[in-house]
Amino acid sequence: MSTEIIHSFGLQLWHVYLIILVAGILQGFINTMAGSGTAVMYSVLSLFGMPVTMINGTVRPGILFQTGASSIKYYLNKKLVVKKGLLLGIPIIIGSIVGAEMAVNINKDLFEKIVAIVLLLMLVLMFYNPKKWLECQSSEKQNKTGLIQIFLFLGIGFYGGFIHVGVGIFLLSALVLNAGFNLVQANALKVFLVFLYAPVVLIIFLINGKVDLFVALFAIIGNTIGGLIGANLVIKKGAGFVRVFLVIIILLFSFHLLGVWDYLFALLS
């Protein structure tokens, strides 16, 4: 982070780490409830002058601890289908390794615009057939793992390793529309799948010197707290509540990727 930029805001270093802690709580909560919460941490660390490639690595330890804590919570409440998660974890991990290797130096601007368009298309699908998001489909469909599903999760793993932001929404969509789980079950599987690939990706970023461990420590604390709060809400409120939250997050995150908020801010200033 840039000390010049921090001081230009009239902040001390302890103020910055407190902000990172709070951002971590928000990130963990949003990631567990829906996805794309990592955009909060990206925005905060960018504001304080951290390069994008370093941010991409620094958020990974927090994600690992957040998804680990949330997975345990879901498992203890019998919401996590471990066998299916381990099966889908194989293509997810392979894809994430390739994505992380590419993420160290690649420019992501065009990629983000494509992601935003895909997310908005998903939003249309949520309103076109809402029952799929709220109700479990046949156990036969949930247990079946075909080639299409393997390649689908291989691609999601690649994206997760590449940038991670928004991967939760892709995972939820695939687990509901393709694998046949409702949103509560899908949420549990989502955090478990991220937990499986997170340590592999973290090692790649550590080897390439792309992790600020001191900043990551504060993010870990916040992420874990936020993740546990989010998992509790998902378990208590059910699929209907999660669907509403997911719609809001998709809209906000898509507008962020497309630069809508920057454009509106420029008009108002």
Protein backbone atom coordinates (compact mmCIF):
# COMPACT_ATOMS: atom_id res chain seq x y z
CA MET A 1 0.00 0.00 0.00
CA SER A 2 1.09 3.59 -0.61
CA THR A 3 1.79 5.57 2.58
CA GLU A 4 1.53 8.80 0.54
CA ILE A 5 -2.02 7.97 -0.51
CA ILE A 6 -2.94 6.91 3.05
CA HIS A 7 -1.66 10.17 4.53
CA SER A 8 -3.42 12.17 1.80
CA PHE A 9 -6.71 10.89 3.27
CA GLY A 10 -5.60 12.11 6.71
CA LEU A 11 -5.38 8.52 8.00
CA GLN A 12 -2.91 6.68 10.19
CA LEU A 13 -1.91 3.07 9.45
CA TRP A 14 -4.08 1.70 12.27
CA HIS A 15 -7.10 3.43 10.67
CA VAL A 16 -6.34 1.61 7.41
CA TYR A 17 -6.11 -1.80 9.09
CA LEU A 18 -9.39 -1.15 10.92
CA ILE A 19 -11.02 -0.34 7.56
CA ILE A 20 -9.56 -3.55 6.11
CA LEU A 21 -11.01 -5.52 9.04
CA VAL A 22 -14.49 -4.04 8.46
CA ALA A 23 -14.18 -4.60 4.69
CA GLY A 24 -13.23 -8.20 5.46
CA ILE A 25 -16.41 -8.70 7.49
CA LEU A 26 -18.50 -7.34 4.60
CA GLN A 27 -16.57 -9.47 2.12
CA GLY A 28 -17.03 -12.66 4.12
CA PHE A 29 -20.73 -11.98 4.68
CA ILE A 30 -21.54 -11.19 1.04
CA ASN A 31 -19.39 -14.05 -0.29
CA THR A 32 -21.16 -16.56 1.94
CA MET A 33 -24.65 -15.21 1.22
CA ALA A 34 -24.23 -14.86 -2.55
CA GLY A 35 -20.87 -13.96 -4.08
CA SER A 36 -18.72 -11.04 -5.35
CA GLY A 37 -18.06 -9.75 -1.81
CA THR A 38 -14.37 -9.73 -2.69
CA ALA A 39 -15.11 -6.62 -4.78
CA VAL A 40 -15.36 -4.74 -1.46
CA MET A 41 -11.77 -5.63 -0.52
CA TYR A 42 -10.55 -4.97 -4.07
CA SER A 43 -12.04 -1.47 -3.90
CA VAL A 44 -10.57 -0.69 -0.47
CA LEU A 45 -7.06 -1.92 -1.24
CA SER A 46 -7.09 -0.19 -4.65
CA LEU A 47 -8.04 3.05 -2.91
CA PHE A 48 -4.94 2.74 -0.73
CA GLY A 49 -2.66 2.19 -3.73
CA MET A 50 -2.10 -1.57 -3.77
CA PRO A 51 -1.50 -2.95 -7.32
CA VAL A 52 -4.27 -5.20 -8.70
CA THR A 53 -2.03 -8.27 -9.03
CA MET A 54 -1.00 -7.90 -5.37
CA ILE A 55 -4.65 -7.45 -4.29
CA ASN A 56 -5.59 -10.61 -6.17
CA GLY A 57 -3.15 -12.58 -4.03
CA THR A 58 -3.67 -10.74 -0.74
CA VAL A 59 -7.41 -11.53 -0.63
CA ARG A 60 -6.77 -15.28 -0.93
CA PRO A 61 -5.84 -16.11 2.72
CA GLY A 62 -9.05 -14.47 3.95
CA ILE A 63 -11.08 -16.43 1.41
CA LEU A 64 -9.47 -19.67 2.61
CA PHE A 65 -10.36 -19.06 6.27
CA GLN A 66 -13.83 -17.67 5.47
CA THR A 67 -14.84 -20.66 3.36
CA GLY A 68 -13.31 -23.09 5.83
CA ALA A 69 -15.29 -21.67 8.76
CA SER A 70 -18.51 -21.50 6.70
CA SER A 71 -18.07 -25.06 5.42
CA ILE A 72 -17.77 -26.37 8.99
CA LYS A 73 -20.92 -24.43 9.94
CA TYR A 74 -22.89 -25.88 7.01
CA TYR A 75 -21.58 -29.40 7.69
CA LEU A 76 -22.58 -29.29 11.37
CA ASN A 77 -26.07 -28.19 10.29
CA LYS A 78 -26.31 -31.04 7.74
CA LYS A 79 -26.55 -28.69 4.75
CA LEU A 80 -23.34 -29.77 3.01
CA VAL A 81 -23.24 -32.67 0.52
CA VAL A 82 -19.57 -33.54 1.01
CA LYS A 83 -19.40 -36.37 -1.54
CA LYS A 84 -20.68 -34.18 -4.38
CA GLY A 85 -18.37 -31.39 -3.30
CA LEU A 86 -15.29 -33.61 -3.38
CA LEU A 87 -16.26 -34.91 -6.83
CA LEU A 88 -16.73 -31.43 -8.28
CA GLY A 89 -13.61 -30.29 -6.44
CA ILE A 90 -11.37 -32.17 -8.90
CA PRO A 91 -12.17 -30.04 -12.01
CA ILE A 92 -12.47 -26.92 -9.84
CA ILE A 93 -8.93 -27.33 -8.49
CA ILE A 94 -7.44 -28.13 -11.92
CA GLY A 95 -9.12 -25.06 -13.46
CA SER A 96 -8.06 -22.81 -10.57
CA ILE A 97 -4.38 -23.75 -10.99
CA VAL A 98 -4.43 -22.68 -14.65
CA GLY A 99 -6.36 -19.50 -13.80
CA ALA A 100 -4.01 -18.50 -10.97
CA GLU A 101 -0.93 -19.02 -13.16
CA MET A 102 -2.43 -16.67 -15.76
CA ALA A 103 -3.60 -14.14 -13.16
CA VAL A 104 -0.11 -13.16 -12.01
CA ASN A 105 0.45 -10.76 -14.95
CA ILE A 106 -2.68 -10.64 -17.16
CA ASN A 107 -4.82 -7.54 -17.82
CA LYS A 108 -8.38 -8.16 -16.61
CA ASP A 109 -10.41 -5.15 -17.91
CA LEU A 110 -12.06 -6.85 -20.91
CA PHE A 111 -12.57 -10.01 -18.88
CA GLU A 112 -14.52 -8.05 -16.25
CA LYS A 113 -16.88 -6.60 -18.88
CA ILE A 114 -17.66 -10.09 -20.20
CA VAL A 115 -18.32 -11.29 -16.64
CA ALA A 116 -20.76 -8.41 -16.05
CA ILE A 117 -22.79 -9.28 -19.15
CA VAL A 118 -22.91 -12.99 -18.21
CA LEU A 119 -24.08 -12.10 -14.68
CA LEU A 120 -26.92 -9.96 -16.03
CA LEU A 121 -27.99 -12.86 -18.25
CA MET A 122 -28.07 -15.06 -15.14
CA LEU A 123 -30.35 -12.52 -13.50
CA VAL A 124 -32.82 -12.95 -16.37
CA LEU A 125 -32.73 -16.72 -15.84
CA MET A 126 -33.51 -16.28 -12.14
CA PHE A 127 -36.75 -14.47 -12.96
CA TYR A 128 -37.60 -16.71 -15.92
CA ASN A 129 -37.73 -19.89 -13.79
CA PRO A 130 -37.61 -18.92 -10.08
CA LYS A 131 -38.72 -22.36 -8.80
CA LYS A 132 -35.40 -23.89 -9.81
CA TRP A 133 -33.64 -21.56 -7.37
CA LEU A 134 -35.95 -22.34 -4.45
CA GLU A 135 -36.71 -26.05 -4.72
CA CYS A 136 -34.53 -29.16 -4.78
CA GLN A 137 -34.70 -31.18 -7.98
CA SER A 138 -34.44 -34.98 -8.14
CA SER A 139 -31.68 -36.70 -6.18
CA GLU A 140 -30.82 -38.49 -9.43
CA LYS A 141 -29.94 -35.17 -11.06
CA GLN A 142 -27.96 -34.06 -8.00
CA ASN A 143 -25.91 -37.27 -7.95
CA LYS A 144 -25.24 -37.35 -11.70
CA THR A 145 -21.92 -35.88 -12.83
CA GLY A 146 -21.54 -35.83 -16.61
CA LEU A 147 -18.92 -34.39 -18.96
CA ILE A 148 -20.81 -31.11 -19.36
CA GLN A 149 -20.83 -30.60 -15.61
CA ILE A 150 -17.11 -31.42 -15.34
CA PHE A 151 -16.19 -28.90 -18.05
CA LEU A 152 -18.54 -26.33 -16.50
CA PHE A 153 -16.82 -26.54 -13.12
CA LEU A 154 -13.41 -26.66 -14.78
CA GLY A 155 -14.24 -23.26 -16.33
CA ILE A 156 -15.54 -21.86 -13.05
CA GLY A 157 -12.37 -23.08 -11.34
CA PHE A 158 -10.29 -21.26 -13.95
CA TYR A 159 -12.20 -18.04 -13.28
CA GLY A 160 -11.88 -18.49 -9.51
CA GLY A 161 -8.13 -18.93 -9.76
CA PHE A 162 -7.85 -16.04 -12.21
CA ILE A 163 -9.68 -13.30 -10.30
CA HIS A 164 -12.18 -14.88 -7.84
CA VAL A 165 -14.46 -11.81 -7.68
CA GLY A 166 -17.97 -13.03 -8.54
CA VAL A 167 -17.07 -16.73 -8.64
CA GLY A 168 -19.70 -17.45 -5.97
CA ILE A 169 -22.48 -16.31 -8.29
CA PHE A 170 -21.22 -18.57 -11.07
CA LEU A 171 -20.99 -21.49 -8.65
CA LEU A 172 -24.51 -20.89 -7.30
CA SER A 173 -25.91 -20.73 -10.83
CA ALA A 174 -24.19 -23.96 -11.90
CA LEU A 175 -25.15 -25.81 -8.71
CA VAL A 176 -28.81 -24.76 -9.04
CA LEU A 177 -29.43 -24.81 -12.79
CA ASN A 178 -27.12 -27.68 -13.73
CA ALA A 179 -26.70 -29.83 -10.61
CA GLY A 180 -30.24 -29.44 -9.25
CA PHE A 181 -29.65 -28.12 -5.72
CA ASN A 182 -31.69 -25.38 -4.04
CA LEU A 183 -29.99 -22.16 -2.95
CA VAL A 184 -29.28 -23.27 0.62
CA GLN A 185 -27.64 -26.53 -0.48
CA ALA A 186 -25.87 -24.71 -3.32
CA ASN A 187 -24.52 -22.09 -0.91
CA ALA A 188 -23.03 -24.81 1.28
CA LEU A 189 -21.43 -26.53 -1.72
CA LYS A 190 -20.23 -23.20 -3.10
CA VAL A 191 -18.16 -22.27 -0.04
CA PHE A 192 -16.86 -25.84 0.23
CA LEU A 193 -15.69 -25.87 -3.40
CA VAL A 194 -13.91 -22.53 -2.96
CA PHE A 195 -12.33 -23.90 0.22
CA LEU A 196 -10.96 -26.85 -1.78
CA TYR A 197 -9.18 -24.74 -4.41
CA ALA A 198 -8.25 -21.77 -2.19
CA PRO A 199 -5.05 -23.24 -0.66
CA VAL A 200 -3.71 -24.35 -4.07
CA VAL A 201 -4.25 -20.89 -5.54
CA LEU A 202 -2.80 -19.21 -2.44
CA ILE A 203 0.44 -21.20 -2.81
CA ILE A 204 0.82 -19.99 -6.41
CA PHE A 205 0.40 -16.34 -5.38
CA LEU A 206 2.79 -16.80 -2.42
CA ILE A 207 5.47 -18.31 -4.67
CA ASN A 208 5.15 -15.30 -7.00
CA GLY A 209 5.38 -12.82 -4.10
CA LYS A 210 1.86 -11.49 -4.64
CA VAL A 211 0.56 -11.64 -1.04
CA ASP A 212 0.87 -8.90 1.61
CA LEU A 213 0.71 -11.15 4.68
CA PHE A 214 0.17 -8.37 7.24
CA VAL A 215 -2.82 -6.94 5.36
CA ALA A 216 -4.07 -10.49 4.77
CA LEU A 217 -4.07 -11.12 8.56
CA PHE A 218 -6.67 -8.40 9.17
CA ALA A 219 -8.67 -9.61 6.17
CA ILE A 220 -8.65 -13.17 7.57
CA ILE A 221 -10.18 -12.03 10.87
CA GLY A 222 -12.89 -10.01 9.10
CA ASN A 223 -13.61 -12.68 6.49
CA THR A 224 -14.05 -15.39 9.09
CA ILE A 225 -16.46 -13.30 11.19
CA GLY A 226 -18.47 -12.26 8.12
CA GLY A 227 -18.53 -15.80 6.74
CA LEU A 228 -19.97 -17.25 9.96
CA ILE A 229 -22.63 -14.52 10.15
CA GLY A 230 -23.61 -15.17 6.52
CA ALA A 231 -23.80 -18.95 6.97
CA ASN A 232 -26.04 -18.52 10.01
CA LEU A 233 -28.42 -16.31 8.02
CA VAL A 234 -28.57 -18.72 5.07
CA ILE A 235 -29.41 -21.63 7.38
CA LYS A 236 -32.07 -19.68 9.30
CA LYS A 237 -33.71 -17.69 6.48
CA GLY A 238 -33.74 -20.28 3.69
CA ALA A 239 -33.63 -20.18 -0.11
CA GLY A 240 -36.19 -17.39 -0.66
CA PHE A 241 -34.20 -14.88 1.38
CA VAL A 242 -30.94 -15.87 -0.33
CA ARG A 243 -32.52 -15.40 -3.78
CA VAL A 244 -33.52 -11.80 -3.00
CA PHE A 245 -30.04 -11.07 -1.63
CA LEU A 246 -28.45 -12.68 -4.71
CA VAL A 247 -30.50 -10.52 -7.11
CA ILE A 248 -29.37 -7.35 -5.31
CA ILE A 249 -25.71 -8.41 -5.32
CA ILE A 250 -25.75 -9.35 -9.03
CA LEU A 251 -27.16 -5.94 -9.95
CA LEU A 252 -24.70 -4.01 -7.78
CA PHE A 253 -21.69 -6.04 -8.90
CA SER A 254 -22.59 -5.97 -12.60
CA PHE A 255 -23.00 -2.19 -12.50
CA HIS A 256 -19.60 -1.98 -10.78
CA LEU A 257 -17.89 -4.04 -13.50
CA LEU A 258 -19.55 -2.04 -16.29
CA GLY A 259 -18.46 1.25 -14.71
CA VAL A 260 -22.04 2.47 -14.09
CA TRP A 261 -21.24 3.74 -10.59
CA ASP A 262 -18.19 5.69 -11.85
CA TYR A 263 -20.32 7.24 -14.59
CA LEU A 264 -23.09 8.27 -12.15
CA PHE A 265 -20.52 9.66 -9.72
CA ALA A 266 -18.94 11.74 -12.52
CA LEU A 267 -22.39 13.12 -13.47
CA LEU A 268 -23.17 14.11 -9.89
CA SER A 269 -19.79 15.67 -9.12
